[in-house]
C-alpha atoms as a PDB file:
ATOM      1  CA  MET A   1      -1.983  -2.621  23.853  1.00  0.00           C
ATOM      2  CA  GLN A   2       1.388  -0.547  24.032  1.00  0.00           C
ATOM      3  CA  GLN A   3       4.671  -2.294  23.757  1.00  0.00           C
ATOM      4  CA  GLU A   4       7.628  -2.046  26.199  1.00  0.00           C
ATOM      5  CA  PRO A   5      10.533   0.215  24.165  1.00  0.00           C
ATOM      6  CA  ILE A   6      13.342  -2.154  23.211  1.00  0.00           C
ATOM      7  CA  THR A   7      16.353  -1.421  24.792  1.00  0.00           C
ATOM      8  CA  THR A   8      19.511  -0.686  23.337  1.00  0.00           C
ATOM      9  CA  ASP A   9      21.155  -3.995  25.275  1.00  0.00           C
ATOM     10  CA  GLU A  10      18.215  -5.855  24.038  1.00  0.00           C
ATOM     11  CA  LEU A  11      18.984  -4.980  20.394  1.00  0.00           C
ATOM     12  CA  GLN A  12      22.712  -5.103  20.512  1.00  0.00           C
ATOM     13  CA  LYS A  13      21.816  -8.854  21.737  1.00  0.00           C
ATOM     14  CA  ALA A  14      19.281  -9.179  18.866  1.00  0.00           C
ATOM     15  CA  THR A  15      21.923  -8.002  16.537  1.00  0.00           C
ATOM     16  CA  THR A  16      24.760 -10.375  17.694  1.00  0.00           C
ATOM     17  CA  ILE A  17      22.401 -13.353  17.370  1.00  0.00           C
ATOM     18  CA  VAL A  18      21.328 -12.487  13.516  1.00  0.00           C
ATOM     19  CA  ASN A  19      24.963 -11.552  12.691  1.00  0.00           C
ATOM     20  CA  ASN A  20      25.756 -15.164  13.953  1.00  0.00           C
ATOM     21  CA  ILE A  21      23.433 -16.925  12.088  1.00  0.00           C
ATOM     22  CA  LEU A  22      23.862 -14.833   8.763  1.00  0.00           C
ATOM     23  CA  ASP A  23      27.445 -15.425   8.929  1.00  0.00           C
ATOM     24  CA  TYR A  24      27.265 -18.995   9.351  1.00  0.00           C
ATOM     25  CA  TYR A  25      24.522 -19.123   6.614  1.00  0.00           C
ATOM     26  CA  ASN A  26      27.115 -17.286   4.304  1.00  0.00           C
ATOM     27  CA  SER A  27      29.525 -19.459   5.058  1.00  0.00           C
ATOM     28  CA  LYS A  28      27.795 -22.667   3.939  1.00  0.00           C
ATOM     29  CA  VAL A  29      25.512 -21.351   1.055  1.00  0.00           C
ATOM     30  CA  VAL A  30      26.937 -19.413  -1.828  1.00  0.00           C
ATOM     31  CA  GLY A  31      25.590 -16.327  -4.034  1.00  0.00           C
ATOM     32  CA  GLN A  32      22.000 -16.714  -1.611  1.00  0.00           C
ATOM     33  CA  PRO A  33      22.528 -14.030   0.773  1.00  0.00           C
ATOM     34  CA  PHE A  34      19.063 -12.811   0.390  1.00  0.00           C
ATOM     35  CA  LEU A  35      17.309 -15.909   0.892  1.00  0.00           C
ATOM     36  CA  GLY A  36      18.998 -16.711   3.883  1.00  0.00           C
ATOM     37  CA  ALA A  37      18.153 -13.256   5.170  1.00  0.00           C
ATOM     38  CA  THR A  38      14.413 -13.921   4.021  1.00  0.00           C
ATOM     39  CA  ILE A  39      14.481 -17.830   6.141  1.00  0.00           C
ATOM     40  CA  LEU A  40      15.435 -15.836   9.146  1.00  0.00           C
ATOM     41  CA  ALA A  41      12.878 -13.375   8.468  1.00  0.00           C
ATOM     42  CA  ALA A  42      10.524 -16.037   8.054  1.00  0.00           C
ATOM     43  CA  MET A  43      11.813 -18.074  11.486  1.00  0.00           C
ATOM     44  CA  MET A  44      11.491 -14.619  13.558  1.00  0.00           C
ATOM     45  CA  SER A  45       7.453 -14.255  12.280  1.00  0.00           C
ATOM     46  CA  ASN A  46       7.067 -18.190  12.767  1.00  0.00           C
ATOM     47  CA  GLY A  47       6.231 -18.027   9.411  1.00  0.00           C
ATOM     48  CA  HIS A  48       6.401 -20.607   6.533  1.00  0.00           C
ATOM     49  CA  ILE A  49       8.246 -20.224   3.250  1.00  0.00           C
ATOM     50  CA  LEU A  50       7.970 -21.321  -0.194  1.00  0.00           C
ATOM     51  CA  MET A  51      11.132 -21.620  -2.477  1.00  0.00           C
ATOM     52  CA  GLU A  52      10.556 -22.224  -6.181  1.00  0.00           C
ATOM     53  CA  SER A  53      13.695 -23.107  -8.390  1.00  0.00           C
ATOM     54  CA  VAL A  54      14.757 -25.708 -10.905  1.00  0.00           C
ATOM     55  CA  PRO A  55      16.228 -28.794  -9.004  1.00  0.00           C
ATOM     56  CA  GLY A  56      19.931 -28.379  -7.774  1.00  0.00           C
ATOM     57  CA  LEU A  57      19.937 -24.793  -6.503  1.00  0.00           C
ATOM     58  CA  ALA A  58      20.793 -25.276  -2.770  1.00  0.00           C
ATOM     59  CA  LYS A  59      16.968 -25.159  -1.602  1.00  0.00           C
ATOM     60  CA  THR A  60      17.298 -28.180   0.682  1.00  0.00           C
ATOM     61  CA  THR A  61      20.514 -27.209   1.920  1.00  0.00           C
ATOM     62  CA  ALA A  62      20.097 -23.773   2.638  1.00  0.00           C
ATOM     63  CA  ALA A  63      16.846 -25.158   4.911  1.00  0.00           C
ATOM     64  CA  LYS A  64      19.094 -27.466   6.478  1.00  0.00           C
ATOM     65  CA  VAL A  65      21.662 -24.935   7.239  1.00  0.00           C
ATOM     66  CA  MET A  66      19.336 -22.501   9.141  1.00  0.00           C
ATOM     67  CA  THR A  67      18.352 -25.420  10.867  1.00  0.00           C
ATOM     68  CA  ASP A  68      21.859 -26.311  12.113  1.00  0.00           C
ATOM     69  CA  ALA A  69      22.693 -22.911  13.082  1.00  0.00           C
ATOM     70  CA  VAL A  70      19.687 -22.261  15.485  1.00  0.00           C
ATOM     71  CA  SER A  71      20.195 -25.945  16.954  1.00  0.00           C
ATOM     72  CA  GLY A  72      16.392 -27.078  15.843  1.00  0.00           C
ATOM     73  CA  SER A  73      14.880 -30.299  15.068  1.00  0.00           C
ATOM     74  CA  PHE A  74      14.878 -31.016  11.537  1.00  0.00           C
ATOM     75  CA  SER A  75      12.148 -33.123   9.421  1.00  0.00           C
ATOM     76  CA  ARG A  76      12.435 -33.881   5.435  1.00  0.00           C
ATOM     77  CA  ILE A  77       9.392 -34.677   3.740  1.00  0.00           C
ATOM     78  CA  GLN A  78       9.629 -35.767   0.105  1.00  0.00           C
ATOM     79  CA  CYS A  79       6.416 -35.288  -1.585  1.00  0.00           C
ATOM     80  CA  THR A  80       5.131 -37.704  -3.869  1.00  0.00           C
ATOM     81  CA  PRO A  81       1.527 -38.610  -5.359  1.00  0.00           C
ATOM     82  CA  ASP A  82       0.994 -41.380  -3.236  1.00  0.00           C
ATOM     83  CA  LEU A  83       1.848 -39.372   0.304  1.00  0.00           C
ATOM     84  CA  ILE A  84      -1.293 -39.416   2.210  1.00  0.00           C
ATOM     85  CA  PRO A  85      -1.865 -36.829   5.348  1.00  0.00           C
ATOM     86  CA  SER A  86      -1.024 -39.507   8.157  1.00  0.00           C
ATOM     87  CA  ASP A  87       2.159 -39.585   6.708  1.00  0.00           C
ATOM     88  CA  ILE A  88       2.788 -36.310   7.645  1.00  0.00           C
ATOM     89  CA  ILE A  89       0.604 -35.569  10.795  1.00  0.00           C
ATOM     90  CA  GLY A  90       0.452 -38.930  11.769  1.00  0.00           C
ATOM     91  CA  THR A  91      -2.037 -41.773  12.895  1.00  0.00           C
ATOM     92  CA  GLN A  92      -3.241 -44.041  15.049  1.00  0.00           C
ATOM     93  CA  ILE A  93      -1.539 -47.549  15.442  1.00  0.00           C
ATOM     94  CA  TYR A  94      -3.082 -50.562  17.242  1.00  0.00           C
ATOM     95  CA  ASN A  95      -0.973 -51.932  20.169  1.00  0.00           C
ATOM     96  CA  ALA A  96      -1.803 -55.484  20.760  1.00  0.00           C
ATOM     97  CA  GLN A  97      -0.090 -55.843  24.158  1.00  0.00           C
ATOM     98  CA  THR A  98      -2.274 -53.207  25.234  1.00  0.00           C
ATOM     99  CA  ASN A  99      -5.369 -53.880  23.110  1.00  0.00           C
ATOM    100  CA  ARG A 100      -5.597 -50.385  22.545  1.00  0.00           C
ATOM    101  CA  PHE A 101      -4.857 -47.486  19.814  1.00  0.00           C
ATOM    102  CA  GLU A 102      -2.403 -45.581  20.052  1.00  0.00           C
ATOM    103  CA  ASN A 103      -1.356 -42.337  18.425  1.00  0.00           C
ATOM    104  CA  LYS A 104       1.742 -41.751  16.442  1.00  0.00           C
ATOM    105  CA  LEU A 105       3.035 -38.620  15.536  1.00  0.00           C
ATOM    106  CA  GLY A 106       4.046 -37.594  11.916  1.00  0.00           C
ATOM    107  CA  PRO A 107       7.380 -35.917  10.944  1.00  0.00           C
ATOM    108  CA  VAL A 108       5.553 -32.706  10.693  1.00  0.00           C
ATOM    109  CA  PHE A 109       6.467 -32.528  14.633  1.00  0.00           C
ATOM    110  CA  ALA A 110       9.726 -30.458  14.318  1.00  0.00           C
ATOM    111  CA  ASN A 111      10.762 -26.874  14.325  1.00  0.00           C
ATOM    112  CA  PHE A 112      11.825 -26.762  10.689  1.00  0.00           C
ATOM    113  CA  VAL A 113       9.976 -28.809   8.467  1.00  0.00           C
ATOM    114  CA  LEU A 114      11.263 -28.889   4.810  1.00  0.00           C
ATOM    115  CA  LEU A 115       8.524 -30.157   2.146  1.00  0.00           C
ATOM    116  CA  ASP A 116      10.472 -31.304  -0.933  1.00  0.00           C
ATOM    117  CA  GLU A 117       8.133 -30.912  -3.947  1.00  0.00           C
ATOM    118  CA  ILE A 118       5.077 -29.833  -2.336  1.00  0.00           C
ATOM    119  CA  ASN A 119       3.328 -29.520  -5.673  1.00  0.00           C
ATOM    120  CA  ARG A 120       3.940 -33.472  -6.280  1.00  0.00           C
ATOM    121  CA  SER A 121       1.383 -34.111  -3.154  1.00  0.00           C
ATOM    122  CA  SER A 122      -1.957 -34.295  -3.861  1.00  0.00           C
ATOM    123  CA  ALA A 123      -4.670 -31.450  -2.895  1.00  0.00           C
ATOM    124  CA  LYS A 124      -5.508 -33.650   0.251  1.00  0.00           C
ATOM    125  CA  THR A 125      -2.088 -34.199   1.355  1.00  0.00           C
ATOM    126  CA  GLN A 126      -1.712 -30.290   0.602  1.00  0.00           C
ATOM    127  CA  SER A 127      -4.487 -29.282   2.474  1.00  0.00           C
ATOM    128  CA  ALA A 128      -3.655 -31.716   5.864  1.00  0.00           C
ATOM    129  CA  MET A 129      -0.362 -29.661   5.843  1.00  0.00           C
ATOM    130  CA  LEU A 130      -1.313 -26.336   5.406  1.00  0.00           C
ATOM    131  CA  GLU A 131      -3.748 -27.140   7.770  1.00  0.00           C
ATOM    132  CA  ALA A 132      -1.129 -27.723  10.594  1.00  0.00           C
ATOM    133  CA  MET A 133       0.744 -24.523   9.119  1.00  0.00           C
ATOM    134  CA  GLN A 134      -2.532 -22.353   9.853  1.00  0.00           C
ATOM    135  CA  GLU A 135      -3.188 -23.517  13.026  1.00  0.00           C
ATOM    136  CA  HIS A 136       0.114 -24.938  14.642  1.00  0.00           C
ATOM    137  CA  SER A 137      -1.778 -27.864  15.754  1.00  0.00           C
ATOM    138  CA  VAL A 138      -3.117 -31.212  14.455  1.00  0.00           C
ATOM    139  CA  THR A 139      -5.857 -33.688  15.857  1.00  0.00           C
ATOM    140  CA  ILE A 140      -5.149 -37.135  15.802  1.00  0.00           C
ATOM    141  CA  GLY A 141      -7.837 -39.614  17.097  1.00  0.00           C
ATOM    142  CA  GLY A 142      -9.508 -36.836  18.869  1.00  0.00           C
ATOM    143  CA  GLN A 143      -6.534 -35.837  20.695  1.00  0.00           C
ATOM    144  CA  THR A 144      -4.797 -32.133  19.638  1.00  0.00           C
ATOM    145  CA  TYR A 145      -1.273 -31.807  19.500  1.00  0.00           C
ATOM    146  CA  PRO A 146       0.228 -28.349  19.438  1.00  0.00           C
ATOM    147  CA  MET A 147       3.206 -27.850  17.341  1.00  0.00           C
ATOM    148  CA  PRO A 148       6.360 -26.646  18.574  1.00  0.00           C
ATOM    149  CA  GLU A 149       6.827 -22.815  19.781  1.00  0.00           C
ATOM    150  CA  VAL A 150       8.982 -22.522  16.985  1.00  0.00           C
ATOM    151  CA  PHE A 151       8.049 -24.192  13.911  1.00  0.00           C
ATOM    152  CA  VAL A 152       8.662 -22.924  10.448  1.00  0.00           C
ATOM    153  CA  VAL A 153       7.635 -25.027   7.156  1.00  0.00           C
ATOM    154  CA  ILE A 154      10.101 -24.274   4.166  1.00  0.00           C
ATOM    155  CA  ALA A 155       8.218 -26.107   1.177  1.00  0.00           C
ATOM    156  CA  THR A 156      10.185 -26.113  -2.293  1.00  0.00           C
ATOM    157  CA  GLN A 157       8.809 -26.605  -5.934  1.00  0.00           C
ATOM    158  CA  ASN A 158       9.963 -26.874  -9.366  1.00  0.00           C
ATOM    159  CA  PRO A 159       8.516 -24.565 -11.670  1.00  0.00           C
ATOM    160  CA  VAL A 160       9.665 -26.451 -14.998  1.00  0.00           C
ATOM    161  CA  GLU A 161       8.507 -30.104 -14.812  1.00  0.00           C
ATOM    162  CA  GLN A 162       4.978 -29.885 -14.429  1.00  0.00           C
ATOM    163  CA  GLU A 163       3.909 -33.648 -15.248  1.00  0.00           C
ATOM    164  CA  GLY A 164       2.461 -35.163 -11.990  1.00  0.00           C
ATOM    165  CA  THR A 165       2.004 -32.312  -9.955  1.00  0.00           C
ATOM    166  CA  TYR A 166      -0.919 -30.489  -8.296  1.00  0.00           C
ATOM    167  CA  VAL A 167      -0.613 -26.934  -8.543  1.00  0.00           C
ATOM    168  CA  LEU A 168      -0.953 -24.894  -5.514  1.00  0.00           C
ATOM    169  CA  SER A 169      -4.355 -22.836  -5.050  1.00  0.00           C
ATOM    170  CA  GLU A 170      -4.483 -19.076  -4.809  1.00  0.00           C
ATOM    171  CA  ALA A 171      -5.533 -20.009  -1.295  1.00  0.00           C
ATOM    172  CA  GLN A 172      -2.836 -22.652  -0.084  1.00  0.00           C
ATOM    173  CA  LEU A 173      -0.348 -19.712  -1.709  1.00  0.00           C
ATOM    174  CA  ASP A 174      -1.543 -17.179   0.123  1.00  0.00           C
ATOM    175  CA  ARG A 175      -0.947 -19.230   3.655  1.00  0.00           C
ATOM    176  CA  PHE A 176       2.981 -19.064   2.817  1.00  0.00           C
ATOM    177  CA  LEU A 177       4.587 -15.844   4.437  1.00  0.00           C
ATOM    178  CA  PHE A 178       7.249 -15.670   1.703  1.00  0.00           C
ATOM    179  CA  LYS A 179       7.594 -17.227  -1.787  1.00  0.00           C
ATOM    180  CA  VAL A 180      11.294 -16.553  -3.273  1.00  0.00           C
ATOM    181  CA  LYS A 181      12.446 -17.615  -6.596  1.00  0.00           C
ATOM    182  CA  LEU A 182      15.826 -18.856  -6.823  1.00  0.00           C
ATOM    183  CA  ASP A 183      17.966 -18.535 -10.214  1.00  0.00           C
ATOM    184  CA  TYR A 184      21.550 -19.918 -11.127  1.00  0.00           C
ATOM    185  CA  PRO A 185      24.354 -18.858  -9.693  1.00  0.00           C
ATOM    186  CA  ASN A 186      27.224 -16.707 -11.519  1.00  0.00           C
ATOM    187  CA  PRO A 187      30.283 -18.450 -12.969  1.00  0.00           C
ATOM    188  CA  ALA A 188      32.247 -17.068  -9.995  1.00  0.00           C
ATOM    189  CA  SER A 189      29.642 -18.549  -7.126  1.00  0.00           C
ATOM    190  CA  GLU A 190      29.570 -21.682  -8.789  1.00  0.00           C
ATOM    191  CA  VAL A 191      33.723 -21.988  -8.854  1.00  0.00           C
ATOM    192  CA  GLU A 192      33.496 -21.194  -4.715  1.00  0.00           C
ATOM    193  CA  ILE A 193      30.662 -24.119  -4.418  1.00  0.00           C
ATOM    194  CA  LEU A 194      33.277 -26.323  -5.780  1.00  0.00           C
ATOM    195  CA  ASN A 195      35.778 -24.966  -3.570  1.00  0.00           C
ATOM    196  CA  ARG A 196      33.935 -25.289  -0.538  1.00  0.00           C
ATOM    197  CA  ILE A 197      32.548 -28.749  -1.423  1.00  0.00           C
ATOM    198  CA  GLU A 198      36.399 -30.054  -2.270  1.00  0.00           C
ATOM    199  CA  ASN A 199      37.369 -28.341   1.219  1.00  0.00           C
ATOM    200  CA  GLY A 200      34.761 -30.440   3.444  1.00  0.00           C
ATOM    201  CA  VAL A 201      33.048 -27.246   4.147  1.00  0.00           C
ATOM    202  CA  LEU A 202      29.534 -28.482   3.395  1.00  0.00           C
ATOM    203  CA  ALA A 203      29.930 -31.442   5.469  1.00  0.00           C
ATOM    204  CA  GLU A 204      30.599 -29.875   8.727  1.00  0.00           C
ATOM    205  CA  SER A 205      27.625 -27.996  11.002  1.00  0.00           C
ATOM    206  CA  LYS A 206      27.565 -26.439  13.990  1.00  0.00           C
ATOM    207  CA  ALA A 207      25.197 -24.235  16.198  1.00  0.00           C
ATOM    208  CA  VAL A 208      25.868 -20.724  16.353  1.00  0.00           C
ATOM    209  CA  SER A 209      22.324 -20.072  18.220  1.00  0.00           C
ATOM    210  CA  ASP A 210      19.813 -21.945  19.942  1.00  0.00           C
ATOM    211  CA  MET A 211      15.548 -21.733  19.969  1.00  0.00           C
ATOM    212  CA  GLU A 212      15.674 -19.716  23.054  1.00  0.00           C
ATOM    213  CA  GLU A 213      17.917 -17.108  21.044  1.00  0.00           C
ATOM    214  CA  MET A 214      15.137 -17.799  18.386  1.00  0.00           C
ATOM    215  CA  THR A 215      12.173 -17.376  20.991  1.00  0.00           C
ATOM    216  CA  PHE A 216      13.926 -14.136  21.861  1.00  0.00           C
ATOM    217  CA  LEU A 217      14.085 -12.240  18.481  1.00  0.00           C
ATOM    218  CA  GLN A 218      10.501 -13.303  17.670  1.00  0.00           C
ATOM    219  CA  LYS A 219       9.202 -11.807  20.948  1.00  0.00           C
ATOM    220  CA  LEU A 220      11.362  -8.943  20.366  1.00  0.00           C
ATOM    221  CA  LYS A 221      10.355  -8.254  16.845  1.00  0.00           C
ATOM    222  CA  LYS A 222       6.497  -8.097  18.330  1.00  0.00           C
ATOM    223  CA  ARG A 223       8.073  -4.848  19.816  1.00  0.00           C
ATOM    224  CA  VAL A 224       9.226  -3.237  16.926  1.00  0.00           C
ATOM    225  CA  TYR A 225       7.424  -0.076  16.517  1.00  0.00           C
ATOM    226  CA  VAL A 226       5.305   0.504  13.482  1.00  0.00           C
ATOM    227  CA  ASP A 227       4.341   3.935  13.050  1.00  0.00           C
ATOM    228  CA  ASP A 228       1.065   4.608  11.492  1.00  0.00           C
ATOM    229  CA  ALA A 229       2.267   6.731   8.233  1.00  0.00           C
ATOM    230  CA  ILE A 230       3.825   2.925   7.809  1.00  0.00           C
ATOM    231  CA  LYS A 231       0.661   1.377   8.440  1.00  0.00           C
ATOM    232  CA  LYS A 232      -1.185   3.455   5.887  1.00  0.00           C
ATOM    233  CA  TYR A 233       1.803   2.563   3.126  1.00  0.00           C
ATOM    234  CA  ILE A 234       1.363  -0.926   3.600  1.00  0.00           C
ATOM    235  CA  VAL A 235      -2.463  -0.574   3.194  1.00  0.00           C
ATOM    236  CA  ASP A 236      -2.112   1.830   0.297  1.00  0.00           C
ATOM    237  CA  ILE A 237       0.459  -0.786  -1.254  1.00  0.00           C
ATOM    238  CA  VAL A 238      -1.849  -3.359  -0.882  1.00  0.00           C
ATOM    239  CA  GLN A 239      -4.890  -1.435  -2.240  1.00  0.00           C
ATOM    240  CA  ALA A 240      -3.095  -0.577  -5.185  1.00  0.00           C
ATOM    241  CA  SER A 241      -2.729  -4.293  -6.192  1.00  0.00           C
ATOM    242  CA  ARG A 242      -6.478  -4.448  -6.396  1.00  0.00           C
ATOM    243  CA  ASN A 243      -6.977  -1.047  -8.292  1.00  0.00           C
ATOM    244  CA  THR A 244      -4.009  -1.605 -11.020  1.00  0.00           C
ATOM    245  CA  ASP A 245      -6.509  -0.398 -13.705  1.00  0.00           C
ATOM    246  CA  THR A 246      -6.606   3.114 -12.108  1.00  0.00           C
ATOM    247  CA  LEU A 247      -3.019   3.349 -10.710  1.00  0.00           C
ATOM    248  CA  LEU A 248      -0.413   1.432 -13.446  1.00  0.00           C
ATOM    249  CA  PRO A 249       0.123   1.874 -16.900  1.00  0.00           C
ATOM    250  CA  LYS A 250      -2.246   0.231 -19.116  1.00  0.00           C
ATOM    251  CA  ASP A 251       0.023  -1.785 -20.704  1.00  0.00           C
ATOM    252  CA  LEU A 252       0.873  -3.586 -17.092  1.00  0.00           C
ATOM    253  CA  ALA A 253      -2.860  -3.013 -15.455  1.00  0.00           C
ATOM    254  CA  GLN A 254      -3.889  -6.089 -18.465  1.00  0.00           C
ATOM    255  CA  TYR A 255      -1.657  -8.522 -17.074  1.00  0.00           C
ATOM    256  CA  VAL A 256      -3.736  -8.193 -13.302  1.00  0.00           C
ATOM    257  CA  SER A 257      -6.448 -10.646 -12.452  1.00  0.00           C
ATOM    258  CA  MET A 258      -6.640 -10.360  -8.856  1.00  0.00           C
ATOM    259  CA  GLY A 259      -4.976  -8.291  -6.054  1.00  0.00           C
ATOM    260  CA  ALA A 260      -3.709  -9.272  -2.753  1.00  0.00           C
ATOM    261  CA  SER A 261      -6.017 -10.238   0.254  1.00  0.00           C
ATOM    262  CA  THR A 262      -5.534  -8.599   3.600  1.00  0.00           C
ATOM    263  CA  ARG A 263      -3.121 -10.892   4.773  1.00  0.00           C
ATOM    264  CA  ALA A 264      -0.894  -9.932   2.461  1.00  0.00           C
ATOM    265  CA  ALA A 265      -0.675  -6.383   4.648  1.00  0.00           C
ATOM    266  CA  ILE A 266      -0.426  -8.366   8.039  1.00  0.00           C
ATOM    267  CA  THR A 267       2.982 -10.002   6.206  1.00  0.00           C
ATOM    268  CA  PHE A 268       4.484  -6.637   5.007  1.00  0.00           C
ATOM    269  CA  MET A 269       3.924  -5.553   8.611  1.00  0.00           C
ATOM    270  CA  GLU A 270       5.381  -8.769  10.063  1.00  0.00           C
ATOM    271  CA  ALA A 271       8.123  -8.877   7.288  1.00  0.00           C
ATOM    272  CA  ALA A 272       8.920  -4.905   8.142  1.00  0.00           C
ATOM    273  CA  LYS A 273       9.647  -5.624  11.927  1.00  0.00           C
ATOM    274  CA  SER A 274      11.944  -8.764  11.270  1.00  0.00           C
ATOM    275  CA  VAL A 275      14.115  -6.459   8.554  1.00  0.00           C
ATOM    276  CA  ALA A 276      13.929  -3.843  11.607  1.00  0.00           C
ATOM    277  CA  VAL A 277      15.400  -6.118  13.632  1.00  0.00           C
ATOM    278  CA  MET A 278      18.010  -7.299  11.649  1.00  0.00           C
ATOM    279  CA  ASN A 279      19.083  -4.011  10.709  1.00  0.00           C
ATOM    280  CA  GLY A 280      19.408  -3.280  14.671  1.00  0.00           C
ATOM    281  CA  ARG A 281      16.603  -0.886  14.823  1.00  0.00           C
ATOM    282  CA  SER A 282      13.673  -0.604  17.046  1.00  0.00           C
ATOM    283  CA  TYR A 283      11.233   1.053  14.458  1.00  0.00           C
ATOM    284  CA  CYS A 284      10.207   0.299  10.567  1.00  0.00           C
ATOM    285  CA  THR A 285      11.181   2.733   7.742  1.00  0.00           C
ATOM    286  CA  PRO A 286       9.432   2.297   4.262  1.00  0.00           C
ATOM    287  CA  ASP A 287      12.867   0.732   3.379  1.00  0.00           C
ATOM    288  CA  ASP A 288      12.247  -2.046   5.568  1.00  0.00           C
ATOM    289  CA  ILE A 289       8.699  -2.698   3.474  1.00  0.00           C
ATOM    290  CA  LYS A 290      10.451  -2.743   0.235  1.00  0.00           C
ATOM    291  CA  THR A 291      12.864  -5.085   1.194  1.00  0.00           C
ATOM    292  CA  LEU A 292      10.849  -8.087   0.668  1.00  0.00           C
ATOM    293  CA  ARG A 293       8.164  -6.835  -2.028  1.00  0.00           C
ATOM    294  CA  TYR A 294       8.459  -9.543  -4.157  1.00  0.00           C
ATOM    295  CA  ALA A 295       8.661 -12.632  -1.361  1.00  0.00           C
ATOM    296  CA  VAL A 296       5.336 -10.860   0.296  1.00  0.00           C
ATOM    297  CA  LEU A 297       3.324  -9.641  -3.181  1.00  0.00           C
ATOM    298  CA  GLY A 298       5.036 -11.727  -5.659  1.00  0.00           C
ATOM    299  CA  HIS A 299       2.539 -14.947  -5.124  1.00  0.00           C
ATOM    300  CA  ARG A 300      -0.420 -12.946  -3.747  1.00  0.00           C
ATOM    301  CA  ILE A 301      -1.309 -11.417  -6.850  1.00  0.00           C
ATOM    302  CA  SER A 302      -2.831 -13.434  -9.808  1.00  0.00           C
ATOM    303  CA  LEU A 303      -1.408 -12.655 -13.212  1.00  0.00           C
ATOM    304  CA  ASN A 304      -3.637 -13.497 -16.683  1.00  0.00           C
ATOM    305  CA  PHE A 305      -2.112 -15.826 -19.293  1.00  0.00           C
ATOM    306  CA  ALA A 306      -1.336 -12.966 -21.349  1.00  0.00           C
ATOM    307  CA  ALA A 307       1.426 -12.081 -18.961  1.00  0.00           C
ATOM    308  CA  ALA A 308       2.753 -15.154 -19.331  1.00  0.00           C
ATOM    309  CA  ALA A 309       2.879 -15.018 -23.477  1.00  0.00           C
ATOM    310  CA  ASP A 310       4.202 -11.879 -23.142  1.00  0.00           C
ATOM    311  CA  GLY A 311       6.619 -12.596 -20.543  1.00  0.00           C
ATOM    312  CA  VAL A 312       5.878 -10.342 -17.797  1.00  0.00           C
ATOM    313  CA  SER A 313       7.004 -11.413 -14.434  1.00  0.00           C
ATOM    314  CA  GLU A 314       5.347 -10.950 -11.124  1.00  0.00           C
ATOM    315  CA  GLU A 315       8.538  -9.019 -10.270  1.00  0.00           C
ATOM    316  CA  THR A 316       7.722  -6.608 -12.813  1.00  0.00           C
ATOM    317  CA  ILE A 317       3.735  -6.030 -11.392  1.00  0.00           C
ATOM    318  CA  VAL A 318       5.186  -5.509  -7.836  1.00  0.00           C
ATOM    319  CA  ASP A 319       8.039  -2.770  -9.106  1.00  0.00           C
ATOM    320  CA  ALA A 320       4.771  -0.961 -10.771  1.00  0.00           C
ATOM    321  CA  ILE A 321       2.808  -1.243  -7.890  1.00  0.00           C
ATOM    322  CA  ILE A 322       5.731   0.093  -4.930  1.00  0.00           C
ATOM    323  CA  GLY A 323       6.431   2.843  -7.507  1.00  0.00           C
ATOM    324  CA  ALA A 324       2.689   3.990  -8.200  1.00  0.00           C
ATOM    325  CA  VAL A 325       2.053   4.433  -4.175  1.00  0.00           C
ATOM    326  CA  PRO A 326       4.189   7.657  -2.910  1.00  0.00           C
ATOM    327  CA  THR A 327       6.653   6.764   0.192  1.00  0.00           C
ATOM    328  CA  PRO A 328       6.020   8.350   3.396  1.00  0.00           C
END
């Protein structure tokens, strides 16, 4: 079905909304502008994002700031080994006054759900949450409850401390639209963080947008034009991840054990549309594909133990794959 062309007024409105949200985010979170843009792209696609870093690098703060910016409902779930599915999605509770069981909805029913340290919850609990993420609904006592129209899960995990954790499987990782790895801030950024905390900047919160404007961005993004040449470029990149033996140098191809799924191609297109809107355009370019290449492809290619032993990262392989595919 042919989409209605995006008008100049709609693009201007979208640009204003995007700038307001990102300006607010950058006024709160220091040295992580790419994370803010990636979270916004996930919000525009109604997708989910996995953030990985050591503790204390503002993962929770970033999620809360973006929620405050768009006046959304926020729910934080601290994952622990004893967490069970009903703690997240809800359960049935007996009401002695009515002599009936009543459905009690869990904290997953929010616009933005922060799953802190998702890899500390059991595989059964992870599966229940990921089902809600995929189906955008849960069933309690035979009754199905839909998620809010804007529903984004922001999960975090600590890659260092692995004791008492349950590693996410490749199939579960694939359900996340993006995965972002965060590194330590530089000295100047760290000083700025201290200054903002001392001045009470982080304690203040205000909405610079709302759910109506967020829905507007989501609908507008769907109408962004993607040329057939761009679609072929996306498919060529995903195909290249599966054929590294023939496309990459042998010293890099040896580290790849599995390429990306078709979901990666879909995600590339969705991400490119979001980036186009954020850049004030009604069409996608090859650079829109490359902008979020690590977030889209990094967790969808599997590297073997030799890669870990030799210190070869997913980002190195992603760059090699992108470099091996001609840009249209």
